[in-house]
Amino acid sequence: MNSLWQFQWLKIPAFPGLIIKDNNFDTVIHFLLILHLIVLFKIKSLIENEVNFLSMEFKKITVKHYLNERAKPKEYKKEYFYPLYVQLIVDAKKAQIKSRVYEQFGIYESEINQITKKDRELNRLFLDGYFSEKHIEKIYTNKIFPLYPLLADEIEVIKRIIILMKPFENRNFTLNDFSDEYEKHITEITDILDSSIKRDYRENLGRIFHNTVDNNEEKRIFNISNFFIHYISWNYSFNNFYETTYEVIPSELKYVENFLDDELLNSIKAYLAYHSKVNILKRYLDKKEKGLISALSYLDWLTEIKDFILAEFTSIFGRKKAVQYVDTLDKILVREIHGK
């Protein structure tokens, strides 16, 4: 039956190359509805992309140094020196923290002496993190080494910490107490690991000593623990103690390990394996990082070291043992840094 609703050919103006051949009105209407939905979806996607693009314009992380002129200044040669601070602006959230870059200045004291022309008072002000407007402007304008690279380093480190906190994804993101977060993330991990294990080792020695003091059958372990507790200097690192003792009395050192907690023994093995890779780690990070701030920080552990060490351990111990050692080190750091 021929009628107005009978379609032989249907051409779609928006798609000149597309022709539908069908005699069924319902089929054509169905196709047009689908086409309509496709067009709406494309328009929606374009709008969303535009909104995302525009929103990214506001997703900025601004970190910059400034002199805190609200603080009490120090006057020297008719100039006022103020402590260096860092301003943070992240997604409309703001915070100000005291710069910690001066903590790195001691490493470059000879270079700073050249900058200050061996002016002791000026040198002391710089090392304490105090600058005048004239000096800070000169550092930035002339990109004076090592102060300018260190300032740039601190900004990059803070940005990395903020990015790690996922400010644009985490609805609970805040800059409150960021100064504490900054301190935690720049903490040197080798010292933390060493101090933690040394403390636990000495506690284990104390337990062994008290448990065997009146036990004649355990006289050997009592004598060894007594010697380690009362005749070993614990002012040095645990790694130093272990290496030195292993060279002098290896059998006694190994014998003590039979009485240590399993968790501590695993921590010792993981730490000594890590310590054997410290120099390699430093060279690895020196090649990757442009700056001058010392590496092997907790931030480096989270972003670089953990994966690097896992790969190194896997090649030596196998995947299972490597994962176990890395998890052990990670738990120590979380416990010591975050108090968990």
C-alpha atoms as a PDB file:
ATOM      1  CA  MET A   1       0.000   0.000   0.000  1.00  0.00           C
ATOM      2  CA  ASN A   2       1.349   3.363  -1.029  1.00  0.00           C
ATOM      3  CA  SER A   3       0.828   6.182   1.468  1.00  0.00           C
ATOM      4  CA  LEU A   4       2.446   9.308   2.884  1.00  0.00           C
ATOM      5  CA  TRP A   5       4.113   7.194   5.581  1.00  0.00           C
ATOM      6  CA  GLN A   6       5.693   4.741   3.198  1.00  0.00           C
ATOM      7  CA  PHE A   7       9.441   5.454   2.841  1.00  0.00           C
ATOM      8  CA  GLN A   8      11.511   4.073   0.010  1.00  0.00           C
ATOM      9  CA  TRP A   9      14.651   6.073   0.677  1.00  0.00           C
ATOM     10  CA  LEU A  10      15.526   8.366   3.559  1.00  0.00           C
ATOM     11  CA  LYS A  11      18.393  10.827   3.308  1.00  0.00           C
ATOM     12  CA  ILE A  12      19.763  12.417   6.484  1.00  0.00           C
ATOM     13  CA  PRO A  13      20.791  16.062   5.828  1.00  0.00           C
ATOM     14  CA  ALA A  14      23.278  16.177   8.713  1.00  0.00           C
ATOM     15  CA  PHE A  15      25.021  13.084   7.322  1.00  0.00           C
ATOM     16  CA  PRO A  16      24.983  13.501   3.505  1.00  0.00           C
ATOM     17  CA  GLY A  17      26.721  10.181   2.948  1.00  0.00           C
ATOM     18  CA  LEU A  18      24.165   8.254   5.005  1.00  0.00           C
ATOM     19  CA  ILE A  19      21.056   6.848   3.239  1.00  0.00           C
ATOM     20  CA  ILE A  20      18.498   4.554   4.883  1.00  0.00           C
ATOM     21  CA  LYS A  21      16.424   2.258   2.735  1.00  0.00           C
ATOM     22  CA  ASP A  22      13.360   0.975   4.559  1.00  0.00           C
ATOM     23  CA  ASN A  23       9.629   0.762   4.046  1.00  0.00           C
ATOM     24  CA  ASN A  24       8.804   0.560   7.764  1.00  0.00           C
ATOM     25  CA  PHE A  25       7.891   3.826   9.461  1.00  0.00           C
ATOM     26  CA  ASP A  26       8.635   2.480  12.965  1.00  0.00           C
ATOM     27  CA  THR A  27      12.158   1.510  11.946  1.00  0.00           C
ATOM     28  CA  VAL A  28      12.849   4.990  10.627  1.00  0.00           C
ATOM     29  CA  ILE A  29      11.465   6.679  13.732  1.00  0.00           C
ATOM     30  CA  HIS A  30      13.506   4.346  15.905  1.00  0.00           C
ATOM     31  CA  PHE A  31      16.648   5.221  13.967  1.00  0.00           C
ATOM     32  CA  LEU A  32      15.949   8.952  14.267  1.00  0.00           C
ATOM     33  CA  LEU A  33      15.539   8.636  18.034  1.00  0.00           C
ATOM     34  CA  ILE A  34      18.868   6.836  18.311  1.00  0.00           C
ATOM     35  CA  LEU A  35      20.492   9.466  16.120  1.00  0.00           C
ATOM     36  CA  HIS A  36      19.000  12.181  18.301  1.00  0.00           C
ATOM     37  CA  LEU A  37      20.456  10.570  21.419  1.00  0.00           C
ATOM     38  CA  ILE A  38      23.877  10.264  19.773  1.00  0.00           C
ATOM     39  CA  VAL A  39      23.863  13.962  18.891  1.00  0.00           C
ATOM     40  CA  LEU A  40      22.792  14.911  22.429  1.00  0.00           C
ATOM     41  CA  PHE A  41      25.552  12.728  23.885  1.00  0.00           C
ATOM     42  CA  LYS A  42      28.164  14.390  21.678  1.00  0.00           C
ATOM     43  CA  ILE A  43      26.944  17.853  22.677  1.00  0.00           C
ATOM     44  CA  LYS A  44      27.028  16.831  26.359  1.00  0.00           C
ATOM     45  CA  SER A  45      30.596  15.542  25.957  1.00  0.00           C
ATOM     46  CA  LEU A  46      31.689  18.775  24.302  1.00  0.00           C
ATOM     47  CA  ILE A  47      30.142  20.815  27.124  1.00  0.00           C
ATOM     48  CA  GLU A  48      31.749  18.619  29.801  1.00  0.00           C
ATOM     49  CA  ASN A  49      35.151  18.866  28.122  1.00  0.00           C
ATOM     50  CA  GLU A  50      34.808  22.623  28.004  1.00  0.00           C
ATOM     51  CA  VAL A  51      33.797  22.744  31.669  1.00  0.00           C
ATOM     52  CA  ASN A  52      36.727  20.479  32.619  1.00  0.00           C
ATOM     53  CA  PHE A  53      39.087  22.659  30.606  1.00  0.00           C
ATOM     54  CA  LEU A  54      37.787  25.787  32.279  1.00  0.00           C
ATOM     55  CA  SER A  55      37.897  24.202  35.744  1.00  0.00           C
ATOM     56  CA  MET A  56      41.527  23.179  35.177  1.00  0.00           C
ATOM     57  CA  GLU A  57      42.317  26.854  34.839  1.00  0.00           C
ATOM     58  CA  PHE A  58      41.401  27.200  38.516  1.00  0.00           C
ATOM     59  CA  LYS A  59      43.153  24.009  39.648  1.00  0.00           C
ATOM     60  CA  LYS A  60      46.455  25.673  40.280  1.00  0.00           C
ATOM     61  CA  ILE A  61      49.081  25.092  42.918  1.00  0.00           C
ATOM     62  CA  THR A  62      50.890  28.299  43.793  1.00  0.00           C
ATOM     63  CA  VAL A  63      53.932  28.142  46.033  1.00  0.00           C
ATOM     64  CA  LYS A  64      56.215  31.127  46.523  1.00  0.00           C
ATOM     65  CA  HIS A  65      58.619  32.594  49.048  1.00  0.00           C
ATOM     66  CA  TYR A  66      58.101  35.895  50.816  1.00  0.00           C
ATOM     67  CA  LEU A  67      59.561  37.790  53.732  1.00  0.00           C
ATOM     68  CA  ASN A  68      57.257  37.759  56.733  1.00  0.00           C
ATOM     69  CA  GLU A  69      57.266  41.435  57.655  1.00  0.00           C
ATOM     70  CA  ARG A  70      54.761  40.786  60.432  1.00  0.00           C
ATOM     71  CA  ALA A  71      57.483  39.023  62.393  1.00  0.00           C
ATOM     72  CA  LYS A  72      59.939  40.931  64.517  1.00  0.00           C
ATOM     73  CA  PRO A  73      62.822  42.003  62.260  1.00  0.00           C
ATOM     74  CA  LYS A  74      66.539  41.855  62.952  1.00  0.00           C
ATOM     75  CA  GLU A  75      68.408  45.041  62.113  1.00  0.00           C
ATOM     76  CA  TYR A  76      71.911  45.032  60.692  1.00  0.00           C
ATOM     77  CA  LYS A  77      73.713  47.920  58.989  1.00  0.00           C
ATOM     78  CA  LYS A  78      70.452  49.906  58.826  1.00  0.00           C
ATOM     79  CA  GLU A  79      68.677  47.086  57.021  1.00  0.00           C
ATOM     80  CA  TYR A  80      65.777  45.046  58.338  1.00  0.00           C
ATOM     81  CA  PHE A  81      65.958  41.289  57.984  1.00  0.00           C
ATOM     82  CA  TYR A  82      62.826  39.142  58.148  1.00  0.00           C
ATOM     83  CA  PRO A  83      62.299  35.380  58.334  1.00  0.00           C
ATOM     84  CA  LEU A  84      61.628  33.644  55.033  1.00  0.00           C
ATOM     85  CA  TYR A  85      58.156  32.146  54.688  1.00  0.00           C
ATOM     86  CA  VAL A  86      56.288  30.211  52.001  1.00  0.00           C
ATOM     87  CA  GLN A  87      52.814  31.093  50.775  1.00  0.00           C
ATOM     88  CA  LEU A  88      50.609  28.250  49.528  1.00  0.00           C
ATOM     89  CA  ILE A  89      47.471  28.659  47.423  1.00  0.00           C
ATOM     90  CA  VAL A  90      45.693  25.490  46.338  1.00  0.00           C
ATOM     91  CA  ASP A  91      42.192  25.548  44.860  1.00  0.00           C
ATOM     92  CA  ALA A  92      41.328  28.779  46.699  1.00  0.00           C
ATOM     93  CA  LYS A  93      42.725  27.405  49.978  1.00  0.00           C
ATOM     94  CA  LYS A  94      45.594  29.401  51.483  1.00  0.00           C
ATOM     95  CA  ALA A  95      48.291  28.842  54.067  1.00  0.00           C
ATOM     96  CA  GLN A  96      51.607  30.311  55.152  1.00  0.00           C
ATOM     97  CA  ILE A  97      54.442  28.271  56.611  1.00  0.00           C
ATOM     98  CA  LYS A  98      57.948  29.054  57.697  1.00  0.00           C
ATOM     99  CA  SER A  99      60.562  28.113  55.128  1.00  0.00           C
ATOM    100  CA  ARG A 100      62.882  25.282  56.135  1.00  0.00           C
ATOM    101  CA  VAL A 101      65.366  25.865  53.327  1.00  0.00           C
ATOM    102  CA  TYR A 102      67.879  27.415  55.729  1.00  0.00           C
ATOM    103  CA  GLU A 103      68.330  23.920  57.215  1.00  0.00           C
ATOM    104  CA  GLN A 104      70.265  23.083  54.045  1.00  0.00           C
ATOM    105  CA  PHE A 105      72.510  26.158  54.173  1.00  0.00           C
ATOM    106  CA  GLY A 106      75.011  24.598  56.556  1.00  0.00           C
ATOM    107  CA  ILE A 107      76.095  22.162  53.833  1.00  0.00           C
ATOM    108  CA  TYR A 108      77.037  25.127  51.642  1.00  0.00           C
ATOM    109  CA  GLU A 109      78.539  27.344  54.339  1.00  0.00           C
ATOM    110  CA  SER A 110      81.753  27.985  52.375  1.00  0.00           C
ATOM    111  CA  GLU A 111      79.730  29.180  49.354  1.00  0.00           C
ATOM    112  CA  ILE A 112      77.571  31.379  51.581  1.00  0.00           C
ATOM    113  CA  ASN A 113      80.739  32.838  53.100  1.00  0.00           C
ATOM    114  CA  GLN A 114      81.709  33.962  49.606  1.00  0.00           C
ATOM    115  CA  ILE A 115      78.291  35.575  49.094  1.00  0.00           C
ATOM    116  CA  THR A 116      78.468  37.441  52.407  1.00  0.00           C
ATOM    117  CA  LYS A 117      82.172  38.189  51.905  1.00  0.00           C
ATOM    118  CA  LYS A 118      82.840  36.484  55.241  1.00  0.00           C
ATOM    119  CA  ASP A 119      80.675  38.992  57.088  1.00  0.00           C
ATOM    120  CA  ARG A 120      79.985  36.940  60.224  1.00  0.00           C
ATOM    121  CA  GLU A 121      76.761  38.708  61.224  1.00  0.00           C
ATOM    122  CA  LEU A 122      75.319  38.591  57.714  1.00  0.00           C
ATOM    123  CA  ASN A 123      76.389  34.987  57.447  1.00  0.00           C
ATOM    124  CA  ARG A 124      74.595  34.180  60.707  1.00  0.00           C
ATOM    125  CA  LEU A 125      71.415  35.920  59.523  1.00  0.00           C
ATOM    126  CA  PHE A 126      71.364  33.866  56.301  1.00  0.00           C
ATOM    127  CA  LEU A 127      72.031  30.618  58.144  1.00  0.00           C
ATOM    128  CA  ASP A 128      69.110  31.439  60.469  1.00  0.00           C
ATOM    129  CA  GLY A 129      66.818  32.022  57.488  1.00  0.00           C
ATOM    130  CA  TYR A 130      66.654  35.849  57.667  1.00  0.00           C
ATOM    131  CA  PHE A 131      66.924  38.081  54.595  1.00  0.00           C
ATOM    132  CA  SER A 132      66.417  41.706  53.675  1.00  0.00           C
ATOM    133  CA  GLU A 133      64.396  42.808  50.652  1.00  0.00           C
ATOM    134  CA  LYS A 134      67.610  43.865  48.926  1.00  0.00           C
ATOM    135  CA  HIS A 135      69.311  40.511  49.439  1.00  0.00           C
ATOM    136  CA  ILE A 136      66.335  38.356  48.452  1.00  0.00           C
ATOM    137  CA  GLU A 137      65.845  40.414  45.283  1.00  0.00           C
ATOM    138  CA  LYS A 138      69.542  40.066  44.438  1.00  0.00           C
ATOM    139  CA  ILE A 139      69.381  36.272  44.931  1.00  0.00           C
ATOM    140  CA  TYR A 140      66.452  35.946  42.513  1.00  0.00           C
ATOM    141  CA  THR A 141      67.725  38.456  39.964  1.00  0.00           C
ATOM    142  CA  ASN A 142      71.239  37.000  39.748  1.00  0.00           C
ATOM    143  CA  LYS A 143      70.207  33.403  40.503  1.00  0.00           C
ATOM    144  CA  ILE A 144      72.984  33.217  43.085  1.00  0.00           C
ATOM    145  CA  PHE A 145      74.340  29.742  43.795  1.00  0.00           C
ATOM    146  CA  PRO A 146      73.503  27.874  45.984  1.00  0.00           C
ATOM    147  CA  LEU A 147      70.702  30.007  47.471  1.00  0.00           C
ATOM    148  CA  TYR A 148      68.596  30.367  44.340  1.00  0.00           C
ATOM    149  CA  PRO A 149      68.615  26.628  43.447  1.00  0.00           C
ATOM    150  CA  LEU A 150      67.826  25.740  47.060  1.00  0.00           C
ATOM    151  CA  LEU A 151      64.856  28.119  47.107  1.00  0.00           C
ATOM    152  CA  ALA A 152      63.627  26.627  43.830  1.00  0.00           C
ATOM    153  CA  ASP A 153      64.111  23.149  45.284  1.00  0.00           C
ATOM    154  CA  GLU A 154      61.980  23.919  48.314  1.00  0.00           C
ATOM    155  CA  ILE A 155      59.145  25.108  46.107  1.00  0.00           C
ATOM    156  CA  GLU A 156      59.283  21.924  44.025  1.00  0.00           C
ATOM    157  CA  VAL A 157      59.397  19.729  47.134  1.00  0.00           C
ATOM    158  CA  ILE A 158      56.322  21.441  48.589  1.00  0.00           C
ATOM    159  CA  LYS A 159      54.462  21.096  45.294  1.00  0.00           C
ATOM    160  CA  ARG A 160      55.270  17.374  45.207  1.00  0.00           C
ATOM    161  CA  ILE A 161      53.909  16.948  48.726  1.00  0.00           C
ATOM    162  CA  ILE A 162      50.712  18.790  47.807  1.00  0.00           C
ATOM    163  CA  ILE A 163      50.240  16.709  44.643  1.00  0.00           C
ATOM    164  CA  LEU A 164      50.732  13.558  46.722  1.00  0.00           C
ATOM    165  CA  MET A 165      47.802  14.717  48.887  1.00  0.00           C
ATOM    166  CA  LYS A 166      45.552  14.781  45.744  1.00  0.00           C
ATOM    167  CA  PRO A 167      44.024  18.203  46.456  1.00  0.00           C
ATOM    168  CA  PHE A 168      41.660  18.203  43.461  1.00  0.00           C
ATOM    169  CA  GLU A 169      40.305  14.720  44.105  1.00  0.00           C
ATOM    170  CA  ASN A 170      40.198  14.600  47.891  1.00  0.00           C
ATOM    171  CA  ARG A 171      37.153  16.487  49.202  1.00  0.00           C
ATOM    172  CA  ASN A 172      38.694  16.577  52.673  1.00  0.00           C
ATOM    173  CA  PHE A 173      41.912  18.179  51.446  1.00  0.00           C
ATOM    174  CA  THR A 174      43.120  20.964  53.684  1.00  0.00           C
ATOM    175  CA  LEU A 175      46.255  23.024  54.155  1.00  0.00           C
ATOM    176  CA  ASN A 176      45.738  23.110  57.899  1.00  0.00           C
ATOM    177  CA  ASP A 177      48.804  21.737  59.673  1.00  0.00           C
ATOM    178  CA  PHE A 178      50.691  21.612  56.376  1.00  0.00           C
ATOM    179  CA  SER A 179      53.820  22.657  58.244  1.00  0.00           C
ATOM    180  CA  ASP A 180      53.694  19.301  60.075  1.00  0.00           C
ATOM    181  CA  GLU A 181      53.159  17.444  56.791  1.00  0.00           C
ATOM    182  CA  TYR A 182      56.127  19.255  55.305  1.00  0.00           C
ATOM    183  CA  GLU A 183      58.351  18.292  58.233  1.00  0.00           C
ATOM    184  CA  LYS A 184      57.296  14.633  58.009  1.00  0.00           C
ATOM    185  CA  HIS A 185      57.877  14.358  54.271  1.00  0.00           C
ATOM    186  CA  ILE A 186      61.370  15.873  54.290  1.00  0.00           C
ATOM    187  CA  THR A 187      62.561  13.674  57.164  1.00  0.00           C
ATOM    188  CA  GLU A 188      65.624  11.609  56.255  1.00  0.00           C
ATOM    189  CA  ILE A 189      64.497   7.975  56.290  1.00  0.00           C
ATOM    190  CA  THR A 190      67.842   6.225  56.873  1.00  0.00           C
ATOM    191  CA  ASP A 191      68.243   7.831  60.300  1.00  0.00           C
ATOM    192  CA  ILE A 192      64.624   7.002  61.173  1.00  0.00           C
ATOM    193  CA  LEU A 193      65.017   3.349  60.231  1.00  0.00           C
ATOM    194  CA  ASP A 194      68.337   3.069  62.053  1.00  0.00           C
ATOM    195  CA  SER A 195      67.110   4.717  65.265  1.00  0.00           C
ATOM    196  CA  SER A 196      63.926   2.651  65.332  1.00  0.00           C
ATOM    197  CA  ILE A 197      65.723  -0.667  64.900  1.00  0.00           C
ATOM    198  CA  LYS A 198      68.464   0.270  67.385  1.00  0.00           C
ATOM    199  CA  ARG A 199      65.809   1.114  69.993  1.00  0.00           C
ATOM    200  CA  ASP A 200      63.947  -2.182  69.434  1.00  0.00           C
ATOM    201  CA  TYR A 201      67.209  -4.149  69.459  1.00  0.00           C
ATOM    202  CA  ARG A 202      68.262  -2.693  72.794  1.00  0.00           C
ATOM    203  CA  GLU A 203      64.807  -3.435  74.232  1.00  0.00           C
ATOM    204  CA  ASN A 204      65.149  -7.036  73.048  1.00  0.00           C
ATOM    205  CA  LEU A 205      68.592  -7.264  74.650  1.00  0.00           C
ATOM    206  CA  GLY A 206      67.109  -6.037  77.932  1.00  0.00           C
ATOM    207  CA  ARG A 207      64.363  -8.676  77.749  1.00  0.00           C
ATOM    208  CA  ILE A 208      66.909 -11.437  76.986  1.00  0.00           C
ATOM    209  CA  PHE A 209      69.180 -10.288  79.822  1.00  0.00           C
ATOM    210  CA  HIS A 210      66.405 -10.285  82.440  1.00  0.00           C
ATOM    211  CA  ASN A 211      64.969 -13.613  81.270  1.00  0.00           C
ATOM    212  CA  THR A 212      68.324 -15.399  81.526  1.00  0.00           C
ATOM    213  CA  VAL A 213      69.932 -13.715  84.535  1.00  0.00           C
ATOM    214  CA  ASP A 214      69.233 -16.682  86.854  1.00  0.00           C
ATOM    215  CA  ASN A 215      69.244 -19.412  84.239  1.00  0.00           C
ATOM    216  CA  ASN A 216      72.491 -21.414  84.178  1.00  0.00           C
ATOM    217  CA  GLU A 217      71.393 -23.256  81.029  1.00  0.00           C
ATOM    218  CA  GLU A 218      71.308 -19.947  79.161  1.00  0.00           C
ATOM    219  CA  LYS A 219      74.617 -18.625  80.494  1.00  0.00           C
ATOM    220  CA  ARG A 220      76.058 -17.979  77.026  1.00  0.00           C
ATOM    221  CA  ILE A 221      73.226 -15.730  75.835  1.00  0.00           C
ATOM    222  CA  PHE A 222      73.196 -13.996  79.227  1.00  0.00           C
ATOM    223  CA  ASN A 223      76.914 -13.159  78.943  1.00  0.00           C
ATOM    224  CA  ILE A 224      76.554 -11.924  75.355  1.00  0.00           C
ATOM    225  CA  SER A 225      73.514  -9.757  76.119  1.00  0.00           C
ATOM    226  CA  ASN A 226      75.234  -8.408  79.223  1.00  0.00           C
ATOM    227  CA  PHE A 227      78.287  -7.477  77.155  1.00  0.00           C
ATOM    228  CA  PHE A 228      76.187  -5.802  74.435  1.00  0.00           C
ATOM    229  CA  ILE A 229      74.154  -3.833  76.968  1.00  0.00           C
ATOM    230  CA  HIS A 230      76.928  -2.645  79.283  1.00  0.00           C
ATOM    231  CA  TYR A 231      80.122  -2.609  77.211  1.00  0.00           C
ATOM    232  CA  ILE A 232      79.025  -1.501  73.744  1.00  0.00           C
ATOM    233  CA  SER A 233      78.767   2.209  72.931  1.00  0.00           C
ATOM    234  CA  TRP A 234      75.307   2.898  71.533  1.00  0.00           C
ATOM    235  CA  ASN A 235      76.171   6.447  70.452  1.00  0.00           C
ATOM    236  CA  TYR A 236      76.771   5.165  66.934  1.00  0.00           C
ATOM    237  CA  SER A 237      74.295   3.922  64.361  1.00  0.00           C
ATOM    238  CA  PHE A 238      72.867   0.424  64.490  1.00  0.00           C
ATOM    239  CA  ASN A 239      74.386  -0.279  61.091  1.00  0.00           C
ATOM    240  CA  ASN A 240      77.801   0.695  62.456  1.00  0.00           C
ATOM    241  CA  PHE A 241      77.296  -1.536  65.512  1.00  0.00           C
ATOM    242  CA  TYR A 242      76.235  -4.504  63.401  1.00  0.00           C
ATOM    243  CA  GLU A 243      79.041  -4.252  60.842  1.00  0.00           C
ATOM    244  CA  THR A 244      81.751  -3.739  63.481  1.00  0.00           C
ATOM    245  CA  THR A 245      80.477  -6.495  65.764  1.00  0.00           C
ATOM    246  CA  TYR A 246      80.126  -8.904  62.862  1.00  0.00           C
ATOM    247  CA  GLU A 247      83.794  -8.375  61.994  1.00  0.00           C
ATOM    248  CA  VAL A 248      84.994  -8.955  65.586  1.00  0.00           C
ATOM    249  CA  ILE A 249      82.601 -11.512  67.106  1.00  0.00           C
ATOM    250  CA  PRO A 250      80.323 -12.789  64.321  1.00  0.00           C
ATOM    251  CA  SER A 251      79.280 -16.006  66.071  1.00  0.00           C
ATOM    252  CA  GLU A 252      78.042 -14.109  69.163  1.00  0.00           C
ATOM    253  CA  LEU A 253      76.107 -11.644  67.039  1.00  0.00           C
ATOM    254  CA  LYS A 254      74.413 -14.438  65.099  1.00  0.00           C
ATOM    255  CA  TYR A 255      73.707 -16.345  68.327  1.00  0.00           C
ATOM    256  CA  VAL A 256      71.766 -13.383  69.742  1.00  0.00           C
ATOM    257  CA  GLU A 257      69.525 -13.423  66.662  1.00  0.00           C
ATOM    258  CA  ASN A 258      68.105 -16.777  67.828  1.00  0.00           C
ATOM    259  CA  PHE A 259      66.508 -14.958  70.792  1.00  0.00           C
ATOM    260  CA  LEU A 260      65.194 -11.841  69.024  1.00  0.00           C
ATOM    261  CA  ASP A 261      61.551 -11.254  68.168  1.00  0.00           C
ATOM    262  CA  ASP A 262      60.713 -12.495  64.675  1.00  0.00           C
ATOM    263  CA  GLU A 263      59.453  -9.038  63.687  1.00  0.00           C
ATOM    264  CA  LEU A 264      62.680  -7.356  64.798  1.00  0.00           C
ATOM    265  CA  LEU A 265      64.843  -9.966  63.089  1.00  0.00           C
ATOM    266  CA  ASN A 266      62.969  -9.397  59.835  1.00  0.00           C
ATOM    267  CA  SER A 267      63.345  -5.611  60.291  1.00  0.00           C
ATOM    268  CA  ILE A 268      67.109  -5.963  60.776  1.00  0.00           C
ATOM    269  CA  LYS A 269      67.466  -8.019  57.593  1.00  0.00           C
ATOM    270  CA  ALA A 270      65.312  -5.588  55.619  1.00  0.00           C
ATOM    271  CA  TYR A 271      67.206  -2.552  56.945  1.00  0.00           C
ATOM    272  CA  LEU A 272      70.667  -4.010  56.294  1.00  0.00           C
ATOM    273  CA  ALA A 273      69.577  -4.899  52.755  1.00  0.00           C
ATOM    274  CA  TYR A 274      68.307  -1.335  52.313  1.00  0.00           C
ATOM    275  CA  HIS A 275      71.483   0.179  53.774  1.00  0.00           C
ATOM    276  CA  SER A 276      73.622  -1.751  51.299  1.00  0.00           C
ATOM    277  CA  LYS A 277      71.801   0.164  48.533  1.00  0.00           C
ATOM    278  CA  VAL A 278      71.996   3.660  50.052  1.00  0.00           C
ATOM    279  CA  ASN A 279      74.889   4.883  47.881  1.00  0.00           C
ATOM    280  CA  ILE A 280      73.248   3.487  44.743  1.00  0.00           C
ATOM    281  CA  LEU A 281      70.022   5.202  45.761  1.00  0.00           C
ATOM    282  CA  LYS A 282      71.755   8.542  46.220  1.00  0.00           C
ATOM    283  CA  ARG A 283      73.372   8.344  42.792  1.00  0.00           C
ATOM    284  CA  TYR A 284      70.048   7.332  41.268  1.00  0.00           C
ATOM    285  CA  LEU A 285      68.198  10.276  42.800  1.00  0.00           C
ATOM    286  CA  ASP A 286      71.017  12.722  42.051  1.00  0.00           C
ATOM    287  CA  LYS A 287      70.653  11.881  38.361  1.00  0.00           C
ATOM    288  CA  LYS A 288      66.880  12.346  38.445  1.00  0.00           C
ATOM    289  CA  GLU A 289      66.643  15.493  40.548  1.00  0.00           C
ATOM    290  CA  LYS A 290      67.929  18.845  39.453  1.00  0.00           C
ATOM    291  CA  GLY A 291      68.211  20.420  42.854  1.00  0.00           C
ATOM    292  CA  LEU A 292      70.517  20.522  45.817  1.00  0.00           C
ATOM    293  CA  ILE A 293      68.312  19.488  48.735  1.00  0.00           C
ATOM    294  CA  SER A 294      69.536  16.190  50.144  1.00  0.00           C
ATOM    295  CA  ALA A 295      67.613  13.129  49.044  1.00  0.00           C
ATOM    296  CA  LEU A 296      66.419   9.935  50.773  1.00  0.00           C
ATOM    297  CA  SER A 297      63.538  11.778  52.432  1.00  0.00           C
ATOM    298  CA  TYR A 298      60.167  10.256  53.255  1.00  0.00           C
ATOM    299  CA  LEU A 299      58.778  12.059  50.211  1.00  0.00           C
ATOM    300  CA  ASP A 300      61.417  10.327  48.084  1.00  0.00           C
ATOM    301  CA  TRP A 301      60.482   7.013  49.715  1.00  0.00           C
ATOM    302  CA  LEU A 302      56.837   7.428  48.711  1.00  0.00           C
ATOM    303  CA  THR A 303      57.497   8.640  45.174  1.00  0.00           C
ATOM    304  CA  GLU A 304      60.774   7.028  44.099  1.00  0.00           C
ATOM    305  CA  ILE A 305      62.711   4.894  46.563  1.00  0.00           C
ATOM    306  CA  LYS A 306      60.096   2.270  47.369  1.00  0.00           C
ATOM    307  CA  ASP A 307      59.745   1.152  43.738  1.00  0.00           C
ATOM    308  CA  PHE A 308      63.489   1.334  43.141  1.00  0.00           C
ATOM    309  CA  ILE A 309      64.301  -0.748  46.225  1.00  0.00           C
ATOM    310  CA  LEU A 310      61.605  -3.287  45.363  1.00  0.00           C
ATOM    311  CA  ALA A 311      63.199  -3.834  41.954  1.00  0.00           C
ATOM    312  CA  GLU A 312      66.686  -4.117  43.494  1.00  0.00           C
ATOM    313  CA  PHE A 313      65.521  -6.542  46.200  1.00  0.00           C
ATOM    314  CA  THR A 314      63.590  -8.646  43.694  1.00  0.00           C
ATOM    315  CA  SER A 315      66.731  -9.245  41.655  1.00  0.00           C
ATOM    316  CA  ILE A 316      68.558 -10.401  44.806  1.00  0.00           C
ATOM    317  CA  PHE A 317      65.980 -12.133  47.015  1.00  0.00           C
ATOM    318  CA  GLY A 318      63.096 -12.906  44.677  1.00  0.00           C
ATOM    319  CA  ARG A 319      59.713 -11.206  44.507  1.00  0.00           C
ATOM    320  CA  LYS A 320      58.154 -12.628  47.695  1.00  0.00           C
ATOM    321  CA  LYS A 321      61.045 -11.736  49.998  1.00  0.00           C
ATOM    322  CA  ALA A 322      61.482  -8.345  48.300  1.00  0.00           C
ATOM    323  CA  VAL A 323      57.824  -7.415  48.944  1.00  0.00           C
ATOM    324  CA  GLN A 324      58.162  -8.576  52.551  1.00  0.00           C
ATOM    325  CA  TYR A 325      61.257  -6.426  53.146  1.00  0.00           C
ATOM    326  CA  VAL A 326      59.782  -3.315  51.518  1.00  0.00           C
ATOM    327  CA  ASP A 327      56.533  -3.701  53.496  1.00  0.00           C
ATOM    328  CA  THR A 328      58.566  -4.053  56.691  1.00  0.00           C
ATOM    329  CA  LEU A 329      60.501  -0.834  56.024  1.00  0.00           C
ATOM    330  CA  ASP A 330      57.310   0.968  55.056  1.00  0.00           C
ATOM    331  CA  LYS A 331      55.585  -0.042  58.308  1.00  0.00           C
ATOM    332  CA  ILE A 332      58.519   1.241  60.365  1.00  0.00           C
ATOM    333  CA  LEU A 333      58.406   4.607  58.573  1.00  0.00           C
ATOM    334  CA  VAL A 334      54.632   4.936  58.925  1.00  0.00           C
ATOM    335  CA  ARG A 335      54.872   4.097  62.622  1.00  0.00           C
ATOM    336  CA  GLU A 336      57.755   6.468  63.330  1.00  0.00           C
ATOM    337  CA  ILE A 337      56.632   9.376  61.149  1.00  0.00           C
ATOM    338  CA  HIS A 338      52.860   9.232  61.458  1.00  0.00           C
ATOM    339  CA  GLY A 339      52.712   7.596  64.882  1.00  0.00           C
ATOM    340  CA  LYS A 340      50.488   4.770  63.631  1.00  0.00           C
END
